[in-house]
Amino acid sequence: MRIPKGYLPMVLVRDDQGGAETRVLDEGDAETRVLVRVKDLKEPCMDALLEMAEQQFGYGQQGVLRVPCDTQRFEHVVNMARKSKAAR
């Protein structure tokens, strides 16, 4: 699959398993693949997700960035990023 310019693919891993405009690519039982606009990663509310990914999976992740977060919680954070950006 070709990733559009300005987007970063991520894999959301449910916490129990170890917008920014988002598009769900593949939804399974334990993981969901999404595309996130790179510019939305600069939003402060996205920092917590990236820190969680670093804590659980480390900086040495190979391939797609894995984030320990379920889809519903991720969409909540993305909506907060949109509102934060719109308020400025």
N, C-alpha and C. Protein backbone atom coordinates (compact mmCIF):
# COMPACT_ATOMS: atom_id res chain seq x y z
N MET A 1 0.84 -1.18 0.00
CA MET A 1 0.00 0.00 0.00
C MET A 1 0.88 1.24 0.00
N ARG A 2 0.53 2.20 -0.81
CA ARG A 2 1.27 3.45 -0.90
C ARG A 2 0.76 4.39 0.19
N ILE A 3 1.69 4.98 0.95
CA ILE A 3 1.34 5.91 2.02
C ILE A 3 1.32 7.32 1.42
N PRO A 4 0.21 8.06 1.57
CA PRO A 4 0.15 9.42 1.03
C PRO A 4 1.20 10.32 1.68
N LYS A 5 1.69 11.27 0.91
CA LYS A 5 2.67 12.24 1.41
C LYS A 5 2.08 12.97 2.62
N GLY A 6 2.89 13.12 3.66
CA GLY A 6 2.46 13.84 4.85
C GLY A 6 1.77 12.98 5.89
N TYR A 7 1.72 11.69 5.67
CA TYR A 7 1.08 10.76 6.61
C TYR A 7 2.11 9.77 7.16
N LEU A 8 1.84 9.30 8.37
CA LEU A 8 2.67 8.29 9.01
C LEU A 8 1.79 7.10 9.37
N PRO A 9 2.17 5.90 8.96
CA PRO A 9 1.39 4.74 9.38
C PRO A 9 1.71 4.38 10.83
N MET A 10 0.70 3.97 11.56
CA MET A 10 0.85 3.51 12.94
C MET A 10 0.03 2.25 13.12
N VAL A 11 0.44 1.44 14.07
CA VAL A 11 -0.35 0.28 14.47
C VAL A 11 -0.76 0.52 15.92
N LEU A 12 -2.07 0.56 16.15
CA LEU A 12 -2.59 0.71 17.51
C LEU A 12 -2.72 -0.68 18.10
N VAL A 13 -2.09 -0.87 19.24
CA VAL A 13 -2.12 -2.16 19.92
C VAL A 13 -2.93 -1.97 21.19
N ARG A 14 -3.98 -2.74 21.34
CA ARG A 14 -4.79 -2.62 22.56
C ARG A 14 -3.92 -2.74 23.79
N ASP A 15 -4.25 -1.93 24.81
CA ASP A 15 -3.47 -1.94 26.05
C ASP A 15 -3.41 -3.33 26.67
N ASP A 16 -4.50 -4.10 26.57
CA ASP A 16 -4.50 -5.43 27.17
C ASP A 16 -3.66 -6.42 26.37
N GLN A 17 -3.25 -6.03 25.17
CA GLN A 17 -2.40 -6.85 24.32
C GLN A 17 -0.96 -6.37 24.40
N GLY A 18 -0.47 -6.08 25.25
CA GLY A 18 0.94 -5.73 25.36
C GLY A 18 1.11 -4.28 24.81
N GLY A 19 -10.40 14.44 13.64
CA GLY A 19 -9.29 14.52 13.52
C GLY A 19 -8.28 15.26 12.86
N ALA A 20 -6.61 15.10 13.94
CA ALA A 20 -5.86 14.56 12.82
C ALA A 20 -6.80 13.73 12.00
N GLU A 21 -6.59 13.74 10.74
CA GLU A 21 -7.38 12.86 9.89
C GLU A 21 -6.77 11.49 10.01
N THR A 22 -7.56 10.55 10.35
CA THR A 22 -7.06 9.19 10.44
C THR A 22 -7.88 8.33 9.50
N ARG A 23 -7.24 7.33 8.96
CA ARG A 23 -7.94 6.39 8.10
C ARG A 23 -7.60 4.99 8.59
N VAL A 24 -8.61 4.24 8.93
CA VAL A 24 -8.36 2.88 9.39
C VAL A 24 -8.06 2.02 8.16
N LEU A 25 -6.92 1.35 8.20
CA LEU A 25 -6.50 0.51 7.08
C LEU A 25 -6.92 -0.93 7.27
N ASP A 26 -6.82 -1.40 8.50
CA ASP A 26 -7.11 -2.81 8.76
C ASP A 26 -7.45 -2.93 10.23
N GLU A 27 -8.59 -3.48 10.55
CA GLU A 27 -8.99 -3.60 11.94
C GLU A 27 -9.08 -5.07 12.31
N GLY A 28 -8.27 -5.47 13.27
CA GLY A 28 -8.26 -6.85 13.75
C GLY A 28 -8.66 -6.87 15.21
N ASP A 29 -8.52 -8.02 15.83
CA ASP A 29 -8.89 -8.16 17.23
C ASP A 29 -7.95 -7.39 18.15
N ALA A 30 -6.65 -7.43 17.89
CA ALA A 30 -5.68 -6.84 18.80
C ALA A 30 -5.00 -5.60 18.25
N GLU A 31 -5.00 -5.43 16.95
CA GLU A 31 -4.29 -4.31 16.34
C GLU A 31 -5.14 -3.62 15.29
N THR A 32 -4.93 -2.31 15.17
CA THR A 32 -5.60 -1.51 14.15
C THR A 32 -4.55 -0.66 13.47
N ARG A 33 -4.50 -0.69 12.15
CA ARG A 33 -3.56 0.15 11.40
C ARG A 33 -4.26 1.44 11.01
N VAL A 34 -3.56 2.57 11.22
CA VAL A 34 -4.11 3.88 10.89
C VAL A 34 -3.03 4.72 10.21
N LEU A 35 -3.47 5.76 9.51
CA LEU A 35 -2.58 6.78 8.96
C LEU A 35 -2.87 8.07 9.71
N VAL A 36 -1.81 8.75 10.12
CA VAL A 36 -1.94 10.00 10.88
C VAL A 36 -1.17 11.08 10.14
N ARG A 37 -1.74 12.27 10.07
CA ARG A 37 -1.01 13.38 9.46
C ARG A 37 0.21 13.70 10.31
N VAL A 38 1.36 13.80 9.70
CA VAL A 38 2.61 14.06 10.41
C VAL A 38 2.51 15.37 11.20
N LYS A 39 1.91 16.40 10.62
CA LYS A 39 1.84 17.69 11.32
C LYS A 39 1.02 17.60 12.60
N ASP A 40 0.13 16.63 12.71
CA ASP A 40 -0.67 16.49 13.93
C ASP A 40 0.14 15.87 15.07
N LEU A 41 1.26 15.25 14.76
CA LEU A 41 2.10 14.67 15.81
C LEU A 41 2.77 15.75 16.65
N LYS A 42 2.77 16.99 16.18
CA LYS A 42 3.36 18.11 16.92
C LYS A 42 2.46 18.58 18.06
N GLU A 43 1.21 18.18 18.05
CA GLU A 43 0.26 18.62 19.07
C GLU A 43 0.62 18.01 20.43
N PRO A 44 0.56 18.82 21.50
CA PRO A 44 0.93 18.33 22.84
C PRO A 44 0.17 17.08 23.28
N CYS A 45 -1.09 16.97 22.94
CA CYS A 45 -1.86 15.81 23.39
C CYS A 45 -1.40 14.51 22.71
N MET A 46 -0.68 14.62 21.62
CA MET A 46 -0.14 13.43 20.96
C MET A 46 1.14 12.94 21.65
N ASP A 47 1.78 13.83 22.42
CA ASP A 47 3.02 13.46 23.12
C ASP A 47 2.83 12.25 24.02
N ALA A 48 1.72 12.20 24.73
CA ALA A 48 1.47 11.09 25.65
C ALA A 48 1.46 9.75 24.91
N LEU A 49 0.85 9.72 23.73
CA LEU A 49 0.82 8.48 22.95
C LEU A 49 2.22 8.06 22.52
N LEU A 50 3.01 9.03 22.09
CA LEU A 50 4.37 8.72 21.65
C LEU A 50 5.24 8.28 22.82
N GLU A 51 5.04 8.89 23.98
CA GLU A 51 5.78 8.48 25.18
C GLU A 51 5.39 7.06 25.60
N MET A 52 4.10 6.74 25.51
CA MET A 52 3.66 5.38 25.85
C MET A 52 4.30 4.37 24.90
N ALA A 53 4.38 4.72 23.62
CA ALA A 53 5.01 3.82 22.65
C ALA A 53 6.48 3.61 22.99
N GLU A 54 7.16 4.68 23.37
CA GLU A 54 8.57 4.57 23.74
C GLU A 54 8.76 3.71 24.97
N GLN A 55 7.90 3.91 25.97
CA GLN A 55 8.01 3.15 27.22
C GLN A 55 7.75 1.66 27.00
N GLN A 56 6.74 1.34 26.21
CA GLN A 56 6.38 -0.07 26.04
C GLN A 56 7.23 -0.79 25.00
N PHE A 57 7.52 -0.11 23.89
CA PHE A 57 8.20 -0.78 22.78
C PHE A 57 9.63 -0.29 22.55
N GLY A 58 10.01 0.83 23.16
CA GLY A 58 11.36 1.37 23.00
C GLY A 58 11.55 2.14 21.70
N TYR A 59 12.74 2.74 21.59
CA TYR A 59 13.06 3.51 20.38
C TYR A 59 13.47 2.63 19.22
N GLY A 60 13.80 1.40 19.49
CA GLY A 60 14.33 0.52 18.45
C GLY A 60 13.28 -0.23 17.66
N GLN A 61 12.06 0.29 17.60
CA GLN A 61 11.02 -0.40 16.84
C GLN A 61 11.41 -0.50 15.37
N GLN A 62 11.18 -1.64 14.79
CA GLN A 62 11.43 -1.86 13.37
C GLN A 62 10.10 -1.74 12.62
N GLY A 63 10.10 -1.08 11.48
CA GLY A 63 8.91 -0.99 10.66
C GLY A 63 7.94 0.07 11.16
N VAL A 64 6.66 -0.25 11.12
CA VAL A 64 5.60 0.69 11.47
C VAL A 64 5.62 0.99 12.97
N LEU A 65 5.39 2.25 13.32
CA LEU A 65 5.34 2.68 14.72
C LEU A 65 4.15 2.02 15.41
N ARG A 66 4.42 1.33 16.51
CA ARG A 66 3.38 0.67 17.30
C ARG A 66 3.08 1.54 18.52
N VAL A 67 1.79 1.76 18.79
CA VAL A 67 1.36 2.59 19.91
C VAL A 67 0.39 1.77 20.77
N PRO A 68 0.65 1.68 22.09
CA PRO A 68 -0.25 0.91 22.97
C PRO A 68 -1.50 1.72 23.29
N CYS A 69 -2.51 1.59 22.46
CA CYS A 69 -3.73 2.40 22.60
C CYS A 69 -4.83 1.75 21.78
N ASP A 70 -6.05 1.72 22.33
CA ASP A 70 -7.15 1.18 21.53
C ASP A 70 -7.69 2.26 20.60
N THR A 71 -8.47 1.85 19.63
CA THR A 71 -8.96 2.76 18.60
C THR A 71 -9.80 3.90 19.17
N GLN A 72 -10.69 3.59 20.11
CA GLN A 72 -11.56 4.62 20.67
C GLN A 72 -10.74 5.69 21.40
N ARG A 73 -9.80 5.28 22.19
CA ARG A 73 -8.96 6.23 22.92
C ARG A 73 -8.10 7.05 21.96
N PHE A 74 -7.57 6.40 20.93
CA PHE A 74 -6.77 7.09 19.93
C PHE A 74 -7.59 8.17 19.24
N GLU A 75 -8.80 7.84 18.84
CA GLU A 75 -9.65 8.83 18.17
C GLU A 75 -9.99 9.98 19.10
N HIS A 76 -10.13 9.72 20.39
CA HIS A 76 -10.35 10.79 21.37
C HIS A 76 -9.15 11.74 21.39
N VAL A 77 -7.94 11.19 21.42
CA VAL A 77 -6.73 12.02 21.43
C VAL A 77 -6.62 12.82 20.13
N VAL A 78 -6.93 12.21 19.01
CA VAL A 78 -6.89 12.90 17.72
C VAL A 78 -7.88 14.06 17.71
N ASN A 79 -9.08 13.84 18.23
CA ASN A 79 -10.07 14.91 18.30
C ASN A 79 -9.60 16.05 19.20
N MET A 80 -8.92 15.72 20.30
CA MET A 80 -8.36 16.75 21.17
C MET A 80 -7.31 17.57 20.41
N ALA A 81 -6.50 16.91 19.59
CA ALA A 81 -5.49 17.60 18.79
C ALA A 81 -6.15 18.55 17.81
N ARG A 82 -7.23 18.12 17.18
CA ARG A 82 -7.97 18.99 16.25
C ARG A 82 -8.51 20.22 16.96
N LYS A 83 -9.12 20.01 18.13
CA LYS A 83 -9.69 21.13 18.88
C LYS A 83 -8.60 22.09 19.34
N SER A 84 -7.47 21.56 19.77
CA SER A 84 -6.35 22.38 20.21
C SER A 84 -5.86 23.25 19.06
N LYS A 85 -5.75 22.66 17.89
CA LYS A 85 -5.27 23.40 16.73
C LYS A 85 -6.29 24.46 16.30
N ALA A 86 -7.58 24.13 16.36
CA ALA A 86 -8.63 25.07 15.96
C ALA A 86 -8.74 26.25 16.92
N ALA A 87 -8.39 26.04 18.19
CA ALA A 87 -8.50 27.09 19.20
C ALA A 87 -7.41 28.15 19.04
N ARG A 88 -6.36 27.82 18.31
CA ARG A 88 -5.25 28.78 18.16
C ARG A 88 -5.49 29.75 17.06
